[in-house]
Amino acid sequence: MPSSPLHNLLNPVCRFAAILCGWGLLGLSVLTCVEIVGRKFFGFSLNGIDEVGGYALAISTAFGFALALVRRAHTRVDLLLVSLPPKAQAVLNAAAAVVLAVFAAFMAERGYAVLSESLEFRSVSNSPLQVPMWLPQGLWFVGLVLFAAVAAALAVDAVRRLLRGEARRMNALYGPPTVLEEIKEELGTELPDMNRRAAQ
């Protein structure tokens, strides 16, 4: 996967956050198993597992956005893009980066609005757990802020490279992954024969 100093800086931060979320989901899986076994064989239940699962899903998704962006894992429809010359591709890729950054900032702003309202009214969940809503919403908001910050940094870098005329490099960093890149990513190895054929 092509990288740059900015990507090398952002990737470990996003990866660390994603790993923490992964451990959280693993812990949730353990609690779910305990819930199932407890209900089946011992007649007890851990109240609120489904509620905690909803919080965990929202938080891990928010943090996952940033890692997916750094690693170009978001789904993009490139049917028209691949048929354009490199400079036109660069313009569209830069535009996509800017639009995504604006959307990520909007998501973070809306997340802040939800969090501030919960803090103002001291909202708690409508469940036996009575969870103060600022706790899960605060973590969710941090994930959205990380996504917005990463999207903004990458958008600035994309526009800078576009203005400097680095069309091919910019496309490699911010365009959709090629088929060869996706195969290499899945296999974790070089494909010299396929690369040679693609170059012919």
N, C-alpha and C. Protein backbone atom coordinates (compact mmCIF):
# COMPACT_ATOMS: atom_id res chain seq x y z
N MET A 1 0.85 -1.19 0.00
CA MET A 1 0.00 0.00 0.00
C MET A 1 0.88 1.24 0.00
N PRO A 2 0.67 2.18 -0.92
CA PRO A 2 1.47 3.40 -0.96
C PRO A 2 1.32 4.18 0.35
N SER A 3 2.40 4.84 0.75
CA SER A 3 2.35 5.60 1.99
C SER A 3 3.12 6.89 1.83
N SER A 4 2.94 7.78 2.78
CA SER A 4 3.63 9.05 2.82
C SER A 4 3.97 9.33 4.28
N PRO A 5 4.80 10.34 4.56
CA PRO A 5 5.08 10.67 5.97
C PRO A 5 3.81 10.92 6.78
N LEU A 6 2.82 11.57 6.15
CA LEU A 6 1.57 11.82 6.86
C LEU A 6 0.84 10.52 7.17
N HIS A 7 0.77 9.63 6.19
CA HIS A 7 0.12 8.33 6.42
C HIS A 7 0.86 7.54 7.49
N ASN A 8 2.19 7.59 7.46
CA ASN A 8 2.98 6.87 8.46
C ASN A 8 2.76 7.43 9.86
N LEU A 9 2.43 8.71 9.94
CA LEU A 9 2.15 9.33 11.24
C LEU A 9 0.76 8.96 11.74
N LEU A 10 -0.22 8.98 10.84
CA LEU A 10 -1.60 8.75 11.24
C LEU A 10 -1.93 7.28 11.45
N ASN A 11 -1.29 6.40 10.68
CA ASN A 11 -1.65 4.99 10.71
C ASN A 11 -1.51 4.36 12.10
N PRO A 12 -0.38 4.53 12.81
CA PRO A 12 -0.28 3.90 14.13
C PRO A 12 -1.29 4.44 15.14
N VAL A 13 -1.61 5.72 15.05
CA VAL A 13 -2.61 6.30 15.96
C VAL A 13 -3.97 5.67 15.73
N CYS A 14 -4.38 5.62 14.46
CA CYS A 14 -5.68 5.04 14.12
C CYS A 14 -5.71 3.54 14.42
N ARG A 15 -4.59 2.88 14.17
CA ARG A 15 -4.52 1.44 14.42
C ARG A 15 -4.64 1.15 15.92
N PHE A 16 -3.97 1.95 16.74
CA PHE A 16 -4.05 1.77 18.19
C PHE A 16 -5.48 1.93 18.68
N ALA A 17 -6.16 2.97 18.19
CA ALA A 17 -7.55 3.19 18.58
C ALA A 17 -8.43 2.02 18.13
N ALA A 18 -8.19 1.52 16.92
CA ALA A 18 -8.98 0.40 16.42
C ALA A 18 -8.73 -0.87 17.23
N ILE A 19 -7.49 -1.07 17.65
CA ILE A 19 -7.17 -2.25 18.47
C ILE A 19 -7.89 -2.18 19.81
N LEU A 20 -7.91 -1.00 20.42
CA LEU A 20 -8.64 -0.84 21.68
C LEU A 20 -10.11 -1.18 21.50
N CYS A 21 -10.68 -0.71 20.40
CA CYS A 21 -12.09 -1.03 20.12
C CYS A 21 -12.27 -2.53 19.89
N GLY A 22 -11.29 -3.14 19.23
CA GLY A 22 -11.36 -4.58 19.01
C GLY A 22 -11.36 -5.36 20.32
N TRP A 23 -10.52 -4.93 21.26
CA TRP A 23 -10.51 -5.58 22.58
C TRP A 23 -11.85 -5.37 23.29
N GLY A 24 -12.42 -4.19 23.11
CA GLY A 24 -13.73 -3.93 23.70
C GLY A 24 -14.80 -4.85 23.14
N LEU A 25 -14.77 -5.06 21.82
CA LEU A 25 -15.74 -5.96 21.20
C LEU A 25 -15.50 -7.41 21.63
N LEU A 26 -14.22 -7.76 21.82
CA LEU A 26 -13.91 -9.11 22.31
C LEU A 26 -14.47 -9.30 23.72
N GLY A 27 -14.30 -8.28 24.56
CA GLY A 27 -14.87 -8.36 25.90
C GLY A 27 -16.38 -8.48 25.86
N LEU A 28 -17.01 -7.75 24.94
CA LEU A 28 -18.46 -7.85 24.78
C LEU A 28 -18.87 -9.26 24.36
N SER A 29 -18.07 -9.88 23.50
CA SER A 29 -18.36 -11.25 23.07
C SER A 29 -18.30 -12.22 24.25
N VAL A 30 -17.31 -12.02 25.13
CA VAL A 30 -17.19 -12.87 26.32
C VAL A 30 -18.42 -12.71 27.21
N LEU A 31 -18.83 -11.46 27.43
CA LEU A 31 -20.01 -11.21 28.26
C LEU A 31 -21.27 -11.81 27.63
N THR A 32 -21.35 -11.75 26.31
CA THR A 32 -22.51 -12.34 25.62
C THR A 32 -22.54 -13.86 25.82
N CYS A 33 -21.36 -14.49 25.74
CA CYS A 33 -21.28 -15.94 25.98
C CYS A 33 -21.69 -16.28 27.41
N VAL A 34 -21.22 -15.47 28.37
CA VAL A 34 -21.61 -15.68 29.77
C VAL A 34 -23.12 -15.55 29.93
N GLU A 35 -23.69 -14.56 29.24
CA GLU A 35 -25.14 -14.35 29.28
C GLU A 35 -25.88 -15.57 28.75
N ILE A 36 -25.42 -16.12 27.63
CA ILE A 36 -26.09 -17.27 27.02
C ILE A 36 -26.00 -18.49 27.92
N VAL A 37 -24.79 -18.77 28.41
CA VAL A 37 -24.59 -19.94 29.29
C VAL A 37 -25.37 -19.76 30.59
N GLY A 38 -25.35 -18.55 31.13
CA GLY A 38 -26.07 -18.31 32.37
C GLY A 38 -27.56 -18.52 32.23
N ARG A 39 -28.12 -18.05 31.14
CA ARG A 39 -29.55 -18.24 30.92
C ARG A 39 -29.91 -19.71 30.72
N LYS A 40 -29.06 -20.40 29.97
CA LYS A 40 -29.36 -21.78 29.59
C LYS A 40 -29.23 -22.75 30.76
N PHE A 41 -28.17 -22.59 31.54
CA PHE A 41 -27.85 -23.62 32.53
C PHE A 41 -28.01 -23.17 33.98
N PHE A 42 -27.96 -21.88 34.25
CA PHE A 42 -27.95 -21.44 35.65
C PHE A 42 -29.09 -20.49 36.00
N GLY A 43 -29.90 -20.14 35.03
CA GLY A 43 -31.08 -19.34 35.31
C GLY A 43 -30.82 -17.90 35.72
N PHE A 44 -29.71 -17.33 35.29
CA PHE A 44 -29.48 -15.91 35.58
C PHE A 44 -29.15 -15.18 34.28
N SER A 45 -29.28 -13.88 34.34
CA SER A 45 -29.05 -13.07 33.14
C SER A 45 -28.28 -11.81 33.50
N LEU A 46 -27.38 -11.41 32.60
CA LEU A 46 -26.66 -10.15 32.74
C LEU A 46 -27.48 -9.06 32.05
N ASN A 47 -28.19 -8.31 32.82
CA ASN A 47 -29.07 -7.30 32.24
C ASN A 47 -28.26 -6.22 31.52
N GLY A 48 -28.73 -5.85 30.34
CA GLY A 48 -28.14 -4.72 29.64
C GLY A 48 -27.06 -5.06 28.64
N ILE A 49 -26.82 -6.35 28.37
CA ILE A 49 -25.78 -6.71 27.41
C ILE A 49 -26.11 -6.15 26.03
N ASP A 50 -27.37 -6.22 25.64
CA ASP A 50 -27.75 -5.69 24.33
C ASP A 50 -27.54 -4.18 24.26
N GLU A 51 -27.79 -3.49 25.37
CA GLU A 51 -27.57 -2.04 25.41
C GLU A 51 -26.08 -1.72 25.29
N VAL A 52 -25.27 -2.41 26.04
CA VAL A 52 -23.82 -2.20 25.98
C VAL A 52 -23.30 -2.53 24.58
N GLY A 53 -23.88 -3.57 23.96
CA GLY A 53 -23.48 -3.92 22.61
C GLY A 53 -23.74 -2.80 21.62
N GLY A 54 -24.87 -2.12 21.78
CA GLY A 54 -25.17 -0.98 20.90
C GLY A 54 -24.16 0.13 21.07
N TYR A 55 -23.78 0.42 22.32
CA TYR A 55 -22.77 1.45 22.55
C TYR A 55 -21.44 1.04 21.93
N ALA A 56 -21.06 -0.22 22.15
CA ALA A 56 -19.77 -0.69 21.63
C ALA A 56 -19.73 -0.63 20.11
N LEU A 57 -20.83 -0.97 19.47
CA LEU A 57 -20.88 -0.92 18.01
C LEU A 57 -20.72 0.50 17.50
N ALA A 58 -21.42 1.45 18.12
CA ALA A 58 -21.32 2.85 17.68
C ALA A 58 -19.92 3.40 17.89
N ILE A 59 -19.32 3.10 19.03
CA ILE A 59 -17.98 3.63 19.34
C ILE A 59 -16.93 3.03 18.42
N SER A 60 -16.96 1.70 18.26
CA SER A 60 -15.96 1.05 17.42
C SER A 60 -16.11 1.46 15.96
N THR A 61 -17.34 1.70 15.52
CA THR A 61 -17.55 2.16 14.14
C THR A 61 -16.95 3.54 13.94
N ALA A 62 -17.17 4.44 14.90
CA ALA A 62 -16.64 5.80 14.78
C ALA A 62 -15.12 5.80 14.70
N PHE A 63 -14.47 5.01 15.54
CA PHE A 63 -13.01 4.94 15.49
C PHE A 63 -12.53 4.22 14.24
N GLY A 64 -13.33 3.24 13.77
CA GLY A 64 -12.93 2.50 12.58
C GLY A 64 -12.93 3.33 11.32
N PHE A 65 -13.75 4.39 11.28
CA PHE A 65 -13.77 5.27 10.11
C PHE A 65 -12.38 5.82 9.79
N ALA A 66 -11.67 6.25 10.84
CA ALA A 66 -10.36 6.87 10.63
C ALA A 66 -9.35 5.88 10.07
N LEU A 67 -9.31 4.66 10.63
CA LEU A 67 -8.37 3.66 10.13
C LEU A 67 -8.71 3.27 8.70
N ALA A 68 -9.99 3.10 8.41
CA ALA A 68 -10.40 2.75 7.05
C ALA A 68 -9.98 3.83 6.06
N LEU A 69 -10.06 5.09 6.48
CA LEU A 69 -9.67 6.19 5.59
C LEU A 69 -8.18 6.19 5.32
N VAL A 70 -7.38 6.02 6.36
CA VAL A 70 -5.92 6.01 6.19
C VAL A 70 -5.49 4.86 5.29
N ARG A 71 -6.17 3.72 5.40
CA ARG A 71 -5.79 2.53 4.63
C ARG A 71 -6.59 2.39 3.33
N ARG A 72 -7.33 3.41 2.96
CA ARG A 72 -8.11 3.42 1.72
C ARG A 72 -9.06 2.24 1.64
N ALA A 73 -9.71 1.93 2.74
CA ALA A 73 -10.61 0.78 2.79
C ALA A 73 -12.07 1.15 2.59
N HIS A 74 -12.37 2.44 2.49
CA HIS A 74 -13.74 2.84 2.22
C HIS A 74 -14.13 2.43 0.80
N THR A 75 -15.38 2.07 0.62
CA THR A 75 -15.88 1.67 -0.69
C THR A 75 -16.03 2.90 -1.59
N ARG A 76 -15.47 2.82 -2.78
CA ARG A 76 -15.61 3.89 -3.77
C ARG A 76 -15.96 3.28 -5.12
N VAL A 77 -16.87 3.92 -5.82
CA VAL A 77 -17.25 3.47 -7.16
C VAL A 77 -16.32 4.16 -8.16
N ASP A 78 -15.45 3.37 -8.80
CA ASP A 78 -14.43 3.95 -9.68
C ASP A 78 -14.63 3.58 -11.14
N LEU A 79 -15.87 3.26 -11.51
CA LEU A 79 -16.14 2.83 -12.88
C LEU A 79 -15.71 3.88 -13.89
N LEU A 80 -16.02 5.14 -13.63
CA LEU A 80 -15.65 6.23 -14.53
C LEU A 80 -14.23 6.71 -14.27
N LEU A 81 -13.82 6.69 -13.02
CA LEU A 81 -12.52 7.26 -12.64
C LEU A 81 -11.36 6.61 -13.36
N VAL A 82 -11.37 5.29 -13.47
CA VAL A 82 -10.22 4.58 -14.04
C VAL A 82 -10.05 4.85 -15.52
N SER A 83 -11.08 5.35 -16.19
CA SER A 83 -10.98 5.61 -17.62
C SER A 83 -10.48 7.02 -17.92
N LEU A 84 -10.27 7.83 -16.89
CA LEU A 84 -9.82 9.21 -17.08
C LEU A 84 -8.31 9.31 -17.04
N PRO A 85 -7.73 10.36 -17.63
CA PRO A 85 -6.29 10.58 -17.54
C PRO A 85 -5.88 10.90 -16.10
N PRO A 86 -4.60 10.70 -15.76
CA PRO A 86 -4.14 10.89 -14.38
C PRO A 86 -4.48 12.25 -13.78
N LYS A 87 -4.37 13.32 -14.55
CA LYS A 87 -4.65 14.65 -14.00
C LYS A 87 -6.12 14.80 -13.63
N ALA A 88 -7.00 14.28 -14.47
CA ALA A 88 -8.43 14.34 -14.16
C ALA A 88 -8.75 13.47 -12.94
N GLN A 89 -8.10 12.31 -12.85
CA GLN A 89 -8.27 11.46 -11.68
C GLN A 89 -7.83 12.19 -10.42
N ALA A 90 -6.71 12.90 -10.52
CA ALA A 90 -6.19 13.63 -9.36
C ALA A 90 -7.17 14.69 -8.88
N VAL A 91 -7.77 15.40 -9.82
CA VAL A 91 -8.75 16.43 -9.45
C VAL A 91 -9.94 15.80 -8.71
N LEU A 92 -10.45 14.70 -9.23
CA LEU A 92 -11.60 14.05 -8.61
C LEU A 92 -11.23 13.43 -7.26
N ASN A 93 -10.03 12.85 -7.17
CA ASN A 93 -9.60 12.28 -5.90
C ASN A 93 -9.43 13.35 -4.84
N ALA A 94 -8.88 14.50 -5.23
CA ALA A 94 -8.74 15.60 -4.29
C ALA A 94 -10.11 16.13 -3.86
N ALA A 95 -11.02 16.23 -4.83
CA ALA A 95 -12.38 16.69 -4.51
C ALA A 95 -13.06 15.72 -3.55
N ALA A 96 -12.87 14.42 -3.77
CA ALA A 96 -13.46 13.42 -2.89
C ALA A 96 -12.90 13.54 -1.47
N ALA A 97 -11.59 13.80 -1.36
CA ALA A 97 -10.97 13.96 -0.05
C ALA A 97 -11.53 15.17 0.68
N VAL A 98 -11.73 16.26 -0.05
CA VAL A 98 -12.26 17.48 0.56
C VAL A 98 -13.71 17.28 1.00
N VAL A 99 -14.52 16.68 0.14
CA VAL A 99 -15.93 16.44 0.47
C VAL A 99 -16.05 15.53 1.69
N LEU A 100 -15.21 14.50 1.74
CA LEU A 100 -15.24 13.59 2.89
C LEU A 100 -14.84 14.32 4.17
N ALA A 101 -13.84 15.20 4.08
CA ALA A 101 -13.42 15.97 5.25
C ALA A 101 -14.55 16.87 5.75
N VAL A 102 -15.27 17.49 4.83
CA VAL A 102 -16.41 18.34 5.22
C VAL A 102 -17.49 17.50 5.88
N PHE A 103 -17.77 16.34 5.31
CA PHE A 103 -18.79 15.46 5.88
C PHE A 103 -18.37 14.95 7.26
N ALA A 104 -17.08 14.61 7.41
CA ALA A 104 -16.59 14.14 8.71
C ALA A 104 -16.69 15.24 9.76
N ALA A 105 -16.39 16.48 9.36
CA ALA A 105 -16.53 17.61 10.28
C ALA A 105 -17.99 17.81 10.69
N PHE A 106 -18.89 17.63 9.72
CA PHE A 106 -20.32 17.74 10.03
C PHE A 106 -20.75 16.66 11.02
N MET A 107 -20.26 15.44 10.82
CA MET A 107 -20.58 14.36 11.75
C MET A 107 -20.08 14.67 13.15
N ALA A 108 -18.85 15.20 13.25
CA ALA A 108 -18.29 15.55 14.56
C ALA A 108 -19.11 16.66 15.22
N GLU A 109 -19.54 17.63 14.42
CA GLU A 109 -20.34 18.73 14.97
C GLU A 109 -21.67 18.22 15.49
N ARG A 110 -22.30 17.32 14.75
CA ARG A 110 -23.57 16.75 15.20
C ARG A 110 -23.36 15.88 16.45
N GLY A 111 -22.23 15.17 16.48
CA GLY A 111 -21.92 14.38 17.66
C GLY A 111 -21.76 15.24 18.89
N TYR A 112 -21.12 16.40 18.71
CA TYR A 112 -20.96 17.33 19.83
C TYR A 112 -22.31 17.86 20.30
N ALA A 113 -23.21 18.13 19.37
CA ALA A 113 -24.54 18.62 19.73
C ALA A 113 -25.28 17.60 20.58
N VAL A 114 -25.18 16.33 20.20
CA VAL A 114 -25.84 15.26 20.96
C VAL A 114 -25.22 15.15 22.35
N LEU A 115 -23.88 15.17 22.41
CA LEU A 115 -23.19 15.04 23.69
C LEU A 115 -23.51 16.22 24.62
N SER A 116 -23.47 17.43 24.09
CA SER A 116 -23.72 18.60 24.93
C SER A 116 -25.15 18.60 25.47
N GLU A 117 -26.09 18.12 24.67
CA GLU A 117 -27.48 18.04 25.14
C GLU A 117 -27.61 17.04 26.28
N SER A 118 -26.92 15.90 26.15
CA SER A 118 -26.96 14.90 27.22
C SER A 118 -26.33 15.43 28.50
N LEU A 119 -25.25 16.19 28.37
CA LEU A 119 -24.62 16.79 29.54
C LEU A 119 -25.52 17.84 30.18
N GLU A 120 -26.16 18.63 29.35
CA GLU A 120 -27.02 19.70 29.87
C GLU A 120 -28.20 19.15 30.65
N PHE A 121 -28.82 18.10 30.14
CA PHE A 121 -30.01 17.55 30.78
C PHE A 121 -29.71 16.34 31.66
N ARG A 122 -28.43 15.99 31.78
CA ARG A 122 -28.01 14.85 32.60
C ARG A 122 -28.79 13.59 32.21
N SER A 123 -28.81 13.33 30.93
CA SER A 123 -29.60 12.22 30.40
C SER A 123 -29.01 10.88 30.82
N VAL A 124 -29.88 9.93 31.09
CA VAL A 124 -29.48 8.55 31.36
C VAL A 124 -30.28 7.65 30.44
N SER A 125 -29.77 6.45 30.24
CA SER A 125 -30.45 5.52 29.34
C SER A 125 -31.77 5.05 29.95
N ASN A 126 -32.72 4.80 29.07
CA ASN A 126 -34.04 4.33 29.50
C ASN A 126 -34.00 2.81 29.63
N SER A 127 -33.25 2.35 30.63
CA SER A 127 -33.05 0.91 30.84
C SER A 127 -32.70 0.68 32.30
N PRO A 128 -32.69 -0.58 32.74
CA PRO A 128 -32.31 -0.85 34.14
C PRO A 128 -30.89 -0.39 34.48
N LEU A 129 -30.01 -0.29 33.49
CA LEU A 129 -28.64 0.13 33.77
C LEU A 129 -28.55 1.61 34.13
N GLN A 130 -29.45 2.42 33.59
CA GLN A 130 -29.44 3.87 33.86
C GLN A 130 -28.06 4.47 33.57
N VAL A 131 -27.51 4.16 32.41
CA VAL A 131 -26.18 4.64 32.04
C VAL A 131 -26.22 6.14 31.75
N PRO A 132 -25.35 6.94 32.37
CA PRO A 132 -25.25 8.35 31.98
C PRO A 132 -24.85 8.43 30.51
N MET A 133 -25.67 9.05 29.70
CA MET A 133 -25.45 8.99 28.26
C MET A 133 -24.18 9.68 27.80
N TRP A 134 -23.64 10.57 28.63
CA TRP A 134 -22.41 11.24 28.20
C TRP A 134 -21.23 10.28 28.13
N LEU A 135 -21.31 9.16 28.84
CA LEU A 135 -20.19 8.21 28.80
C LEU A 135 -20.03 7.56 27.42
N PRO A 136 -21.03 6.83 26.90
CA PRO A 136 -20.86 6.26 25.56
C PRO A 136 -20.82 7.33 24.48
N GLN A 137 -21.61 8.39 24.65
CA GLN A 137 -21.61 9.45 23.63
C GLN A 137 -20.28 10.20 23.60
N GLY A 138 -19.63 10.32 24.75
CA GLY A 138 -18.32 10.98 24.78
C GLY A 138 -17.28 10.19 24.00
N LEU A 139 -17.26 8.87 24.20
CA LEU A 139 -16.32 8.03 23.45
C LEU A 139 -16.65 8.05 21.96
N TRP A 140 -17.93 7.99 21.66
CA TRP A 140 -18.38 8.07 20.26
C TRP A 140 -17.93 9.38 19.63
N PHE A 141 -18.07 10.47 20.36
CA PHE A 141 -17.67 11.79 19.86
C PHE A 141 -16.16 11.85 19.63
N VAL A 142 -15.37 11.26 20.52
CA VAL A 142 -13.91 11.24 20.33
C VAL A 142 -13.56 10.51 19.03
N GLY A 143 -14.25 9.40 18.76
CA GLY A 143 -14.02 8.69 17.51
C GLY A 143 -14.36 9.52 16.29
N LEU A 144 -15.44 10.28 16.37
CA LEU A 144 -15.82 11.15 15.25
C LEU A 144 -14.82 12.29 15.07
N VAL A 145 -14.31 12.82 16.17
CA VAL A 145 -13.30 13.89 16.09
C VAL A 145 -12.03 13.35 15.45
N LEU A 146 -11.63 12.13 15.84
CA LEU A 146 -10.45 11.53 15.22
C LEU A 146 -10.66 11.37 13.72
N PHE A 147 -11.81 10.90 13.33
CA PHE A 147 -12.13 10.74 11.91
C PHE A 147 -12.07 12.08 11.18
N ALA A 148 -12.65 13.12 11.78
CA ALA A 148 -12.65 14.44 11.16
C ALA A 148 -11.24 15.00 11.05
N ALA A 149 -10.42 14.81 12.09
CA ALA A 149 -9.05 15.31 12.06
C ALA A 149 -8.22 14.61 10.99
N VAL A 150 -8.36 13.28 10.91
CA VAL A 150 -7.63 12.52 9.90
C VAL A 150 -8.10 12.91 8.50
N ALA A 151 -9.40 13.03 8.31
CA ALA A 151 -9.93 13.41 6.99
C ALA A 151 -9.45 14.79 6.58
N ALA A 152 -9.41 15.73 7.53
CA ALA A 152 -8.95 17.09 7.22
C ALA A 152 -7.47 17.09 6.85
N ALA A 153 -6.66 16.36 7.61
CA ALA A 153 -5.22 16.31 7.32
C ALA A 153 -4.95 15.70 5.95
N LEU A 154 -5.66 14.63 5.62
CA LEU A 154 -5.46 13.99 4.33
C LEU A 154 -5.98 14.86 3.19
N ALA A 155 -7.07 15.58 3.42
CA ALA A 155 -7.61 16.47 2.38
C ALA A 155 -6.63 17.59 2.07
N VAL A 156 -6.04 18.17 3.11
CA VAL A 156 -5.05 19.24 2.90
C VAL A 156 -3.85 18.70 2.13
N ASP A 157 -3.40 17.51 2.49
CA ASP A 157 -2.26 16.92 1.79
C ASP A 157 -2.61 16.61 0.34
N ALA A 158 -3.83 16.12 0.10
CA ALA A 158 -4.25 15.81 -1.27
C ALA A 158 -4.29 17.06 -2.14
N VAL A 159 -4.86 18.13 -1.61
CA VAL A 159 -4.93 19.39 -2.37
C VAL A 159 -3.53 19.95 -2.61
N ARG A 160 -2.68 19.86 -1.60
CA ARG A 160 -1.31 20.35 -1.76
C ARG A 160 -0.58 19.60 -2.87
N ARG A 161 -0.73 18.29 -2.90
CA ARG A 161 -0.07 17.50 -3.94
C ARG A 161 -0.67 17.80 -5.31
N LEU A 162 -1.97 18.05 -5.36
CA LEU A 162 -2.61 18.40 -6.63
C LEU A 162 -2.05 19.71 -7.17
N LEU A 163 -1.92 20.71 -6.30
CA LEU A 163 -1.42 22.02 -6.73
C LEU A 163 0.05 21.96 -7.13
N ARG A 164 0.78 21.01 -6.58
CA ARG A 164 2.20 20.86 -6.92
C ARG A 164 2.40 20.00 -8.16
N GLY A 165 1.32 19.52 -8.74
CA GLY A 165 1.42 18.73 -9.97
C GLY A 165 1.81 17.29 -9.76
N GLU A 166 1.63 16.76 -8.55
CA GLU A 166 1.99 15.37 -8.26
C GLU A 166 0.78 14.46 -8.51
N ALA A 167 0.30 14.46 -9.73
CA ALA A 167 -0.94 13.76 -10.04
C ALA A 167 -0.84 12.26 -9.78
N ARG A 168 0.19 11.62 -10.32
CA ARG A 168 0.30 10.16 -10.18
C ARG A 168 0.51 9.75 -8.73
N ARG A 169 1.36 10.49 -8.04
CA ARG A 169 1.61 10.18 -6.63
C ARG A 169 0.34 10.39 -5.80
N MET A 170 -0.36 11.46 -6.12
CA MET A 170 -1.59 11.76 -5.40
C MET A 170 -2.65 10.69 -5.63
N ASN A 171 -2.74 10.21 -6.87
CA ASN A 171 -3.70 9.15 -7.17
C ASN A 171 -3.34 7.86 -6.44
N ALA A 172 -2.04 7.59 -6.33
CA ALA A 172 -1.61 6.38 -5.62
C ALA A 172 -1.96 6.44 -4.14
N LEU A 173 -1.92 7.65 -3.57
CA LEU A 173 -2.19 7.81 -2.15
C LEU A 173 -3.68 7.95 -1.83
N TYR A 174 -4.42 8.60 -2.72
CA TYR A 174 -5.80 8.96 -2.39
C TYR A 174 -6.84 8.38 -3.35
N GLY A 175 -6.40 7.70 -4.39
CA GLY A 175 -7.36 7.06 -5.28
C GLY A 175 -7.77 5.70 -4.74
N PRO A 176 -8.80 5.10 -5.32
CA PRO A 176 -9.21 3.75 -4.91
C PRO A 176 -8.08 2.76 -5.16
N PRO A 177 -7.92 1.75 -4.32
CA PRO A 177 -6.88 0.74 -4.55
C PRO A 177 -7.10 0.02 -5.87
N THR A 178 -6.01 -0.29 -6.55
CA THR A 178 -6.12 -1.07 -7.78
C THR A 178 -6.36 -2.54 -7.44
N VAL A 179 -6.73 -3.31 -8.45
CA VAL A 179 -6.96 -4.74 -8.23
C VAL A 179 -5.69 -5.41 -7.74
N LEU A 180 -4.54 -5.05 -8.32
CA LEU A 180 -3.28 -5.64 -7.90
C LEU A 180 -2.96 -5.30 -6.45
N GLU A 181 -3.24 -4.07 -6.05
CA GLU A 181 -2.99 -3.68 -4.67
C GLU A 181 -3.88 -4.46 -3.71
N GLU A 182 -5.13 -4.68 -4.09
CA GLU A 182 -6.04 -5.42 -3.23
C GLU A 182 -5.62 -6.88 -3.10
N ILE A 183 -5.17 -7.47 -4.21
CA ILE A 183 -4.71 -8.86 -4.16
C ILE A 183 -3.46 -8.96 -3.29
N LYS A 184 -2.54 -8.02 -3.48
CA LYS A 184 -1.31 -8.02 -2.68
C LYS A 184 -1.63 -7.85 -1.20
N GLU A 185 -2.60 -7.00 -0.89
CA GLU A 185 -2.99 -6.77 0.50
C GLU A 185 -3.56 -8.04 1.12
N GLU A 186 -4.37 -8.77 0.34
CA GLU A 186 -4.98 -9.99 0.85
C GLU A 186 -3.95 -11.10 1.04
N LEU A 187 -3.04 -11.22 0.07
CA LEU A 187 -2.05 -12.29 0.12
C LEU A 187 -0.86 -11.93 0.98
N GLY A 188 -0.62 -10.64 1.15
CA GLY A 188 0.53 -10.19 1.93
C GLY A 188 1.85 -10.48 1.27
N THR A 189 1.88 -10.50 -0.06
CA THR A 189 3.12 -10.80 -0.77
C THR A 189 3.14 -10.06 -2.09
N GLU A 190 4.33 -9.97 -2.68
CA GLU A 190 4.48 -9.33 -3.98
C GLU A 190 3.97 -10.26 -5.08
N LEU A 191 3.54 -9.67 -6.16
CA LEU A 191 3.07 -10.44 -7.31
C LEU A 191 3.85 -9.98 -8.54
N PRO A 192 5.12 -10.37 -8.66
CA PRO A 192 5.94 -9.84 -9.75
C PRO A 192 5.42 -10.20 -11.13
N ASP A 193 4.90 -11.42 -11.30
CA ASP A 193 4.43 -11.82 -12.62
C ASP A 193 3.23 -10.98 -13.06
N MET A 194 2.31 -10.77 -12.14
CA MET A 194 1.12 -9.97 -12.47
C MET A 194 1.49 -8.52 -12.70
N ASN A 195 2.45 -8.02 -11.94
CA ASN A 195 2.88 -6.64 -12.13
C ASN A 195 3.51 -6.46 -13.51
N ARG A 196 4.29 -7.45 -13.94
CA ARG A 196 4.92 -7.36 -15.26
C ARG A 196 3.87 -7.39 -16.35
N ARG A 197 2.86 -8.25 -16.18
CA ARG A 197 1.81 -8.32 -17.19
C ARG A 197 1.02 -7.02 -17.24
N ALA A 198 0.77 -6.43 -16.07
CA ALA A 198 0.01 -5.19 -16.05
C ALA A 198 0.76 -4.05 -16.70
N ALA A 199 2.10 -4.13 -16.67
CA ALA A 199 2.91 -3.07 -17.25
C ALA A 199 3.04 -3.21 -18.75
N GLN A 200 2.71 -4.39 -19.28
CA GLN A 200 2.87 -4.62 -20.72
C GLN A 200 1.71 -4.02 -21.50
